[in-house]
């Protein structure tokens, strides 16, 4: 009985997929005749995107620092109010 259900060495796809395997196509590299101006434009776009991301992250970090500072001051004031009542 074990010999009939032996799935050792086969994957799930081999056991359940009865269709043909997909053919993988390797894309060929296209050569450009614009002497690298496409690469320069791409670098410019990536650089602009990086600058935007950097400024947004910087603004976000400033907001987090400010919120943390306000939060600690609030906790500190609550602590002092409760310890001064005694």
PDB file of N, CA and C in Angstrom:
ATOM      1  N   UNK A   1       0.814  -1.184   0.000  1.00  0.00           N
ATOM      2  CA  UNK A   1       0.000   0.000   0.000  1.00  0.00           C
ATOM      3  C   UNK A   1       0.867   1.261   0.000  1.00  0.00           C
ATOM      4  N   UNK A   2       1.991   1.235   0.703  1.00  0.00           N
ATOM      5  CA  UNK A   2       2.850   2.408   0.748  1.00  0.00           C
ATOM      6  C   UNK A   2       3.433   2.750  -0.609  1.00  0.00           C
ATOM      7  N   UNK A   3       3.718   1.754  -1.405  1.00  0.00           N
ATOM      8  CA  UNK A   3       4.321   1.979  -2.704  1.00  0.00           C
ATOM      9  C   UNK A   3       3.401   2.739  -3.647  1.00  0.00           C
ATOM     10  N   UNK A   4       2.092   2.617  -3.490  1.00  0.00           N
ATOM     11  CA  UNK A   4       1.155   3.292  -4.372  1.00  0.00           C
ATOM     12  C   UNK A   4       1.037   4.779  -4.074  1.00  0.00           C
ATOM     13  N   UNK A   5       1.148   5.160  -2.814  1.00  0.00           N
ATOM     14  CA  UNK A   5       0.984   6.552  -2.417  1.00  0.00           C
ATOM     15  C   UNK A   5       2.307   7.236  -2.130  1.00  0.00           C
ATOM     16  N   UNK A   6       3.384   6.738  -2.653  1.00  0.00           N
ATOM     17  CA  UNK A   6       4.695   7.307  -2.365  1.00  0.00           C
ATOM     18  C   UNK A   6       4.857   8.632  -3.098  1.00  0.00           C
ATOM     19  N   UNK A   7       4.989   9.712  -2.345  1.00  0.00           N
ATOM     20  CA  UNK A   7       5.172  11.029  -2.944  1.00  0.00           C
ATOM     21  C   UNK A   7       6.563  11.571  -2.641  1.00  0.00           C
ATOM     22  N   UNK A   8       7.467  10.714  -2.246  1.00  0.00           N
ATOM     23  CA  UNK A   8       8.817  11.150  -1.905  1.00  0.00           C
ATOM     24  C   UNK A   8       9.527  11.646  -3.157  1.00  0.00           C
ATOM     25  N   UNK A   9      10.066  12.840  -3.096  1.00  0.00           N
ATOM     26  CA  UNK A   9      10.825  13.380  -4.210  1.00  0.00           C
ATOM     27  C   UNK A   9       9.997  14.190  -5.194  1.00  0.00           C
ATOM     28  N   UNK A  10       8.707  14.290  -4.960  1.00  0.00           N
ATOM     29  CA  UNK A  10       7.874  15.095  -5.848  1.00  0.00           C
ATOM     30  C   UNK A  10       7.287  16.256  -5.060  1.00  0.00           C
ATOM     31  N   UNK A  11       7.087  17.361  -5.738  1.00  0.00           N
ATOM     32  CA  UNK A  11       6.528  18.524  -5.070  1.00  0.00           C
ATOM     33  C   UNK A  11       5.012  18.506  -5.167  1.00  0.00           C
ATOM     34  N   UNK A  12       4.388  19.457  -4.515  1.00  0.00           N
ATOM     35  CA  UNK A  12       2.942  19.565  -4.547  1.00  0.00           C
ATOM     36  C   UNK A  12       2.471  19.766  -5.984  1.00  0.00           C
ATOM     37  N   UNK A  13       3.180  20.623  -6.719  1.00  0.00           N
ATOM     38  CA  UNK A  13       2.790  20.899  -8.100  1.00  0.00           C
ATOM     39  C   UNK A  13       2.914  19.655  -8.970  1.00  0.00           C
ATOM     40  N   UNK A  14       3.929  18.853  -8.729  1.00  0.00           N
ATOM     41  CA  UNK A  14       4.091  17.627  -9.503  1.00  0.00           C
ATOM     42  C   UNK A  14       2.956  16.654  -9.227  1.00  0.00           C
ATOM     43  N   UNK A  15       2.447  16.655  -8.014  1.00  0.00           N
ATOM     44  CA  UNK A  15       1.392  15.725  -7.644  1.00  0.00           C
ATOM     45  C   UNK A  15       0.032  16.154  -8.168  1.00  0.00           C
ATOM     46  N   UNK A  16      -0.254  17.465  -8.182  1.00  0.00           N
ATOM     47  CA  UNK A  16      -1.601  17.930  -8.461  1.00  0.00           C
ATOM     48  C   UNK A  16      -1.751  18.658  -9.782  1.00  0.00           C
ATOM     49  N   UNK A  17      -0.692  19.132 -10.382  1.00  0.00           N
ATOM     50  CA  UNK A  17      -0.783  19.872 -11.632  1.00  0.00           C
ATOM     51  C   UNK A  17      -0.549  18.931 -12.797  1.00  0.00           C
ATOM     52  N   UNK A  18      -1.578  18.750 -13.628  1.00  0.00           N
ATOM     53  CA  UNK A  18      -1.409  17.855 -14.763  1.00  0.00           C
ATOM     54  C   UNK A  18      -1.146  18.602 -16.068  1.00  0.00           C
ATOM     55  N   UNK A  19      -1.061  19.934 -15.995  1.00  0.00           N
ATOM     56  CA  UNK A  19      -0.803  20.732 -17.190  1.00  0.00           C
ATOM     57  C   UNK A  19       0.683  20.807 -17.500  1.00  0.00           C
ATOM     58  N   UNK A  20       1.015  21.317 -18.680  1.00  0.00           N
ATOM     59  CA  UNK A  20       2.425  21.446 -19.052  1.00  0.00           C
ATOM     60  C   UNK A  20       3.108  22.544 -18.236  1.00  0.00           C
ATOM     61  N   UNK A  21       4.401  22.440 -18.079  1.00  0.00           N
ATOM     62  CA  UNK A  21       5.162  23.460 -17.376  1.00  0.00           C
ATOM     63  C   UNK A  21       5.214  24.728 -18.215  1.00  0.00           C
ATOM     64  N   UNK A  22       5.175  25.915 -17.577  1.00  0.00           N
ATOM     65  CA  UNK A  22       5.233  27.160 -18.338  1.00  0.00           C
ATOM     66  C   UNK A  22       6.616  27.356 -18.958  1.00  0.00           C
ATOM     67  N   UNK A  23       6.621  28.002 -20.084  1.00  0.00           N
ATOM     68  CA  UNK A  23       7.875  28.274 -20.786  1.00  0.00           C
ATOM     69  C   UNK A  23       8.392  29.622 -20.297  1.00  0.00           C
ATOM     70  N   UNK A  24       9.614  29.653 -19.841  1.00  0.00           N
ATOM     71  CA  UNK A  24      10.185  30.910 -19.385  1.00  0.00           C
ATOM     72  C   UNK A  24      10.899  31.580 -20.551  1.00  0.00           C
ATOM     73  N   UNK A  25      10.630  32.870 -20.711  1.00  0.00           N
ATOM     74  CA  UNK A  25      11.219  33.647 -21.785  1.00  0.00           C
ATOM     75  C   UNK A  25      12.167  34.657 -21.164  1.00  0.00           C
ATOM     76  N   UNK A  26      13.386  34.671 -21.621  1.00  0.00           N
ATOM     77  CA  UNK A  26      14.378  35.613 -21.126  1.00  0.00           C
ATOM     78  C   UNK A  26      14.352  36.834 -22.042  1.00  0.00           C
ATOM     79  N   UNK A  27      14.016  38.017 -21.506  1.00  0.00           N
ATOM     80  CA  UNK A  27      13.966  39.204 -22.362  1.00  0.00           C
ATOM     81  C   UNK A  27      15.362  39.605 -22.826  1.00  0.00           C
ATOM     82  N   UNK A  28      15.428  40.069 -24.062  1.00  0.00           N
ATOM     83  CA  UNK A  28      16.707  40.514 -24.603  1.00  0.00           C
ATOM     84  C   UNK A  28      16.902  41.980 -24.255  1.00  0.00           C
ATOM     85  N   UNK A  29      18.128  42.355 -24.022  1.00  0.00           N
ATOM     86  CA  UNK A  29      18.445  43.741 -23.718  1.00  0.00           C
ATOM     87  C   UNK A  29      18.349  44.569 -24.984  1.00  0.00           C
ATOM     88  N   UNK A  30      17.689  45.698 -24.864  1.00  0.00           N
ATOM     89  CA  UNK A  30      17.569  46.606 -26.001  1.00  0.00           C
ATOM     90  C   UNK A  30      18.693  47.626 -25.932  1.00  0.00           C
ATOM     91  N   UNK A  31      19.273  47.884 -27.042  1.00  0.00           N
ATOM     92  CA  UNK A  31      20.334  48.894 -27.106  1.00  0.00           C
ATOM     93  C   UNK A  31      19.716  50.211 -27.510  1.00  0.00           C
ATOM     94  N   UNK A  32      20.102  51.242 -26.818  1.00  0.00           N
ATOM     95  CA  UNK A  32      19.567  52.557 -27.138  1.00  0.00           C
ATOM     96  C   UNK A  32      20.585  53.334 -27.957  1.00  0.00           C
ATOM     97  N   UNK A  33      20.068  54.202 -28.795  1.00  0.00           N
ATOM     98  CA  UNK A  33      20.923  55.022 -29.642  1.00  0.00           C
ATOM     99  C   UNK A  33      20.982  56.460 -29.159  1.00  0.00           C
ATOM    100  N   UNK A  34      20.571  56.703 -27.918  1.00  0.00           N
ATOM    101  CA  UNK A  34      20.538  58.080 -27.438  1.00  0.00           C
ATOM    102  C   UNK A  34      21.749  58.425 -26.582  1.00  0.00           C
ATOM    103  N   UNK A  35      22.771  57.626 -26.625  1.00  0.00           N
ATOM    104  CA  UNK A  35      24.058  57.893 -25.972  1.00  0.00           C
ATOM    105  C   UNK A  35      23.941  58.170 -24.482  1.00  0.00           C
ATOM    106  N   UNK A  36      23.072  57.468 -23.802  1.00  0.00           N
ATOM    107  CA  UNK A  36      22.992  57.563 -22.346  1.00  0.00           C
ATOM    108  C   UNK A  36      22.098  58.659 -21.827  1.00  0.00           C
ATOM    109  N   UNK A  37      21.403  59.398 -22.676  1.00  0.00           N
ATOM    110  CA  UNK A  37      20.546  60.458 -22.163  1.00  0.00           C
ATOM    111  C   UNK A  37      19.351  59.883 -21.415  1.00  0.00           C
ATOM    112  N   UNK A  38      18.927  58.680 -21.776  1.00  0.00           N
ATOM    113  CA  UNK A  38      17.843  58.027 -21.046  1.00  0.00           C
ATOM    114  C   UNK A  38      18.260  57.710 -19.627  1.00  0.00           C
ATOM    115  N   UNK A  39      19.492  57.278 -19.461  1.00  0.00           N
ATOM    116  CA  UNK A  39      20.005  56.985 -18.124  1.00  0.00           C
ATOM    117  C   UNK A  39      20.097  58.262 -17.298  1.00  0.00           C
ATOM    118  N   UNK A  40      20.481  59.342 -17.925  1.00  0.00           N
ATOM    119  CA  UNK A  40      20.586  60.615 -17.206  1.00  0.00           C
ATOM    120  C   UNK A  40      19.210  61.089 -16.750  1.00  0.00           C
ATOM    121  N   UNK A  41      18.205  60.916 -17.623  1.00  0.00           N
ATOM    122  CA  UNK A  41      16.846  61.312 -17.243  1.00  0.00           C
ATOM    123  C   UNK A  41      16.341  60.452 -16.093  1.00  0.00           C
ATOM    124  N   UNK A  42      16.642  59.173 -16.154  1.00  0.00           N
ATOM    125  CA  UNK A  42      16.216  58.256 -15.100  1.00  0.00           C
ATOM    126  C   UNK A  42      16.881  58.630 -13.782  1.00  0.00           C
ATOM    127  N   UNK A  43      18.172  58.914 -13.833  1.00  0.00           N
ATOM    128  CA  UNK A  43      18.886  59.310 -12.612  1.00  0.00           C
ATOM    129  C   UNK A  43      18.303  60.589 -12.046  1.00  0.00           C
ATOM    130  N   UNK A  44      17.927  61.525 -12.924  1.00  0.00           N
ATOM    131  CA  UNK A  44      17.340  62.778 -12.466  1.00  0.00           C
ATOM    132  C   UNK A  44      16.009  62.521 -11.765  1.00  0.00           C
ATOM    133  N   UNK A  45      15.180  61.651 -12.342  1.00  0.00           N
ATOM    134  CA  UNK A  45      13.888  61.343 -11.727  1.00  0.00           C
ATOM    135  C   UNK A  45      14.064  60.648 -10.385  1.00  0.00           C
ATOM    136  N   UNK A  46      15.007  59.733 -10.315  1.00  0.00           N
ATOM    137  CA  UNK A  46      15.262  59.029  -9.057  1.00  0.00           C
ATOM    138  C   UNK A  46      15.789  60.009  -8.020  1.00  0.00           C
ATOM    139  N   UNK A  47      16.657  60.899  -8.436  1.00  0.00           N
ATOM    140  CA  UNK A  47      17.195  61.907  -7.516  1.00  0.00           C
ATOM    141  C   UNK A  47      16.106  62.816  -6.983  1.00  0.00           C
ATOM    142  N   UNK A  48      15.193  63.235  -7.869  1.00  0.00           N
ATOM    143  CA  UNK A  48      14.082  64.084  -7.431  1.00  0.00           C
ATOM    144  C   UNK A  48      13.193  63.340  -6.447  1.00  0.00           C
ATOM    145  N   UNK A  49      12.924  62.082  -6.735  1.00  0.00           N
ATOM    146  CA  UNK A  49      12.111  61.280  -5.829  1.00  0.00           C
ATOM    147  C   UNK A  49      12.787  61.089  -4.486  1.00  0.00           C
ATOM    148  N   UNK A  50      14.102  60.911  -4.525  1.00  0.00           N
ATOM    149  CA  UNK A  50      14.841  60.751  -3.273  1.00  0.00           C
ATOM    150  C   UNK A  50      14.789  62.020  -2.442  1.00  0.00           C
ATOM    151  N   UNK A  51      14.905  63.177  -3.106  1.00  0.00           N
ATOM    152  CA  UNK A  51      14.837  64.445  -2.378  1.00  0.00           C
ATOM    153  C   UNK A  51      13.476  64.623  -1.721  1.00  0.00           C
ATOM    154  N   UNK A  52      12.411  64.253  -2.455  1.00  0.00           N
ATOM    155  CA  UNK A  52      11.066  64.364  -1.879  1.00  0.00           C
ATOM    156  C   UNK A  52      10.913  63.431  -0.686  1.00  0.00           C
ATOM    157  N   UNK A  53      11.391  62.214  -0.824  1.00  0.00           N
ATOM    158  CA  UNK A  53      11.295  61.241   0.259  1.00  0.00           C
ATOM    159  C   UNK A  53      12.078  61.710   1.473  1.00  0.00           C
ATOM    160  N   UNK A  54      13.246  62.262   1.217  1.00  0.00           N
ATOM    161  CA  UNK A  54      14.096  62.756   2.308  1.00  0.00           C
ATOM    162  C   UNK A  54      13.411  63.904   3.047  1.00  0.00           C
ATOM    163  N   UNK A  55      12.800  64.814   2.331  1.00  0.00           N
ATOM    164  CA  UNK A  55      12.139  65.942   2.991  1.00  0.00           C
ATOM    165  C   UNK A  55      10.916  65.490   3.777  1.00  0.00           C
ATOM    166  N   UNK A  56      10.163  64.539   3.241  1.00  0.00           N
ATOM    167  CA  UNK A  56       8.992  64.023   3.960  1.00  0.00           C
ATOM    168  C   UNK A  56       9.424  63.289   5.221  1.00  0.00           C
ATOM    169  N   UNK A  57      10.489  62.506   5.114  1.00  0.00           N
ATOM    170  CA  UNK A  57      10.981  61.779   6.285  1.00  0.00           C
ATOM    171  C   UNK A  57      11.498  62.748   7.344  1.00  0.00           C
ATOM    172  N   UNK A  58      12.161  63.791   6.897  1.00  0.00           N
ATOM    173  CA  UNK A  58      12.678  64.783   7.839  1.00  0.00           C
ATOM    174  C   UNK A  58      11.533  65.482   8.567  1.00  0.00           C
ATOM    175  N   UNK A  59      10.512  65.859   7.827  1.00  0.00           N
ATOM    176  CA  UNK A  59       9.351  66.509   8.441  1.00  0.00           C
ATOM    177  C   UNK A  59       8.668  65.567   9.419  1.00  0.00           C
ATOM    178  N   UNK A  60       8.520  64.312   9.022  1.00  0.00           N
ATOM    179  CA  UNK A  60       7.900  63.332   9.902  1.00  0.00           C
ATOM    180  C   UNK A  60       8.690  63.131  11.175  1.00  0.00           C
ATOM    181  N   UNK A  61      10.000  63.082  11.057  1.00  0.00           N
ATOM    182  CA  UNK A  61      10.853  62.909  12.232  1.00  0.00           C
ATOM    183  C   UNK A  61      10.737  64.104  13.173  1.00  0.00           C
ATOM    184  N   UNK A  62      10.667  65.302  12.620  1.00  0.00           N
ATOM    185  CA  UNK A  62      10.502  66.493  13.458  1.00  0.00           C
ATOM    186  C   UNK A  62       9.183  66.428  14.232  1.00  0.00           C
ATOM    187  N   UNK A  63       8.124  65.958  13.546  1.00  0.00           N
ATOM    188  CA  UNK A  63       6.827  65.849  14.220  1.00  0.00           C
ATOM    189  C   UNK A  63       6.861  64.804  15.326  1.00  0.00           C
ATOM    190  N   UNK A  64       7.537  63.710  15.088  1.00  0.00           N
ATOM    191  CA  UNK A  64       7.648  62.665  16.106  1.00  0.00           C
ATOM    192  C   UNK A  64       8.422  63.191  17.308  1.00  0.00           C
ATOM    193  N   UNK A  65       9.528  63.875  17.051  1.00  0.00           N
ATOM    194  CA  UNK A  65      10.318  64.428  18.160  1.00  0.00           C
ATOM    195  C   UNK A  65       9.502  65.433  18.969  1.00  0.00           C
ATOM    196  N   UNK A  66       8.763  66.293  18.274  1.00  0.00           N
ATOM    197  CA  UNK A  66       7.956  67.294  18.960  1.00  0.00           C
ATOM    198  C   UNK A  66       6.849  66.628  19.772  1.00  0.00           C
ATOM    199  N   UNK A  67       6.191  65.627  19.197  1.00  0.00           N
ATOM    200  CA  UNK A  67       5.129  64.923  19.913  1.00  0.00           C
ATOM    201  C   UNK A  67       5.654  64.171  21.120  1.00  0.00           C
ATOM    202  N   UNK A  68       6.835  63.586  20.974  1.00  0.00           N
ATOM    203  CA  UNK A  68       7.441  62.872  22.096  1.00  0.00           C
ATOM    204  C   UNK A  68       7.779  63.836  23.218  1.00  0.00           C
ATOM    205  N   UNK A  69       8.323  64.979  22.854  1.00  0.00           N
ATOM    206  CA  UNK A  69       8.677  65.983  23.858  1.00  0.00           C
ATOM    207  C   UNK A  69       7.434  66.460  24.611  1.00  0.00           C
ATOM    208  N   UNK A  70       6.369  66.741  23.869  1.00  0.00           N
ATOM    209  CA  UNK A  70       5.127  67.188  24.499  1.00  0.00           C
ATOM    210  C   UNK A  70       4.575  66.078  25.402  1.00  0.00           C
ATOM    211  N   UNK A  71       4.669  64.842  24.954  1.00  0.00           N
ATOM    212  CA  UNK A  71       4.180  63.720  25.751  1.00  0.00           C
ATOM    213  C   UNK A  71       4.943  63.562  27.050  1.00  0.00           C
ATOM    214  N   UNK A  72       6.256  63.677  26.980  1.00  0.00           N
ATOM    215  CA  UNK A  72       7.058  63.574  28.203  1.00  0.00           C
ATOM    216  C   UNK A  72       6.773  64.731  29.152  1.00  0.00           C
ATOM    217  N   UNK A  73       6.590  65.927  28.631  1.00  0.00           N
ATOM    218  CA  UNK A  73       6.265  67.066  29.488  1.00  0.00           C
ATOM    219  C   UNK A  73       4.913  66.852  30.169  1.00  0.00           C
ATOM    220  N   UNK A  74       3.948  66.279  29.454  1.00  0.00           N
ATOM    221  CA  UNK A  74       2.641  66.009  30.028  1.00  0.00           C
ATOM    222  C   UNK A  74       2.756  64.989  31.149  1.00  0.00           C
ATOM    223  N   UNK A  75       3.518  63.911  30.911  1.00  0.00           N
ATOM    224  CA  UNK A  75       3.710  62.884  31.940  1.00  0.00           C
ATOM    225  C   UNK A  75       4.421  63.482  33.153  1.00  0.00           C
ATOM    226  N   UNK A  76       5.428  64.292  32.883  1.00  0.00           N
ATOM    227  CA  UNK A  76       6.180  64.926  33.972  1.00  0.00           C
ATOM    228  C   UNK A  76       5.277  65.834  34.808  1.00  0.00           C
ATOM    229  N   UNK A  77       4.425  66.618  34.160  1.00  0.00           N
ATOM    230  CA  UNK A  77       3.528  67.508  34.906  1.00  0.00           C
ATOM    231  C   UNK A  77       2.502  66.701  35.717  1.00  0.00           C
ATOM    232  N   UNK A  78       2.003  65.601  35.161  1.00  0.00           N
ATOM    233  CA  UNK A  78       1.062  64.761  35.901  1.00  0.00           C
ATOM    234  C   UNK A  78       1.740  64.124  37.112  1.00  0.00           C
ATOM    235  N   UNK A  79       2.981  63.710  36.950  1.00  0.00           N
ATOM    236  CA  UNK A  79       3.717  63.105  38.049  1.00  0.00           C
ATOM    237  C   UNK A  79       3.932  64.131  39.165  1.00  0.00           C
ATOM    238  N   UNK A  80       4.321  65.345  38.792  1.00  0.00           N
ATOM    239  CA  UNK A  80       4.567  66.371  39.810  1.00  0.00           C
ATOM    240  C   UNK A  80       3.275  66.768  40.530  1.00  0.00           C
ATOM    241  N   UNK A  81       2.159  66.783  39.812  1.00  0.00           N
ATOM    242  CA  UNK A  81       0.891  67.117  40.446  1.00  0.00           C
ATOM    243  C   UNK A  81       0.496  66.056  41.476  1.00  0.00           C
ATOM    244  N   UNK A  82       0.736  64.787  41.180  1.00  0.00           N
ATOM    245  CA  UNK A  82       0.353  63.737  42.115  1.00  0.00           C
ATOM    246  C   UNK A  82       1.311  63.651  43.296  1.00  0.00           C
ATOM    247  N   UNK A  83       2.570  63.971  43.109  1.00  0.00           N
ATOM    248  CA  UNK A  83       3.509  63.890  44.229  1.00  0.00           C
ATOM    249  C   UNK A  83       3.411  65.115  45.129  1.00  0.00           C
ATOM    250  N   UNK A  84       2.918  66.243  44.631  1.00  0.00           N
ATOM    251  CA  UNK A  84       2.809  67.441  45.454  1.00  0.00           C
ATOM    252  C   UNK A  84       1.566  67.414  46.344  1.00  0.00           C
ATOM    253  N   UNK A  85       0.597  66.555  46.045  1.00  0.00           N
ATOM    254  CA  UNK A  85      -0.626  66.474  46.832  1.00  0.00           C
ATOM    255  C   UNK A  85      -0.392  65.815  48.182  1.00  0.00           C
ATOM    256  N   UNK A  86       0.621  65.053  48.318  1.00  0.00           N
ATOM    257  CA  UNK A  86       0.882  64.306  49.564  1.00  0.00           C
ATOM    258  C   UNK A  86       1.357  65.169  50.633  1.00  0.00           C
TER     259      UNK A  86
END
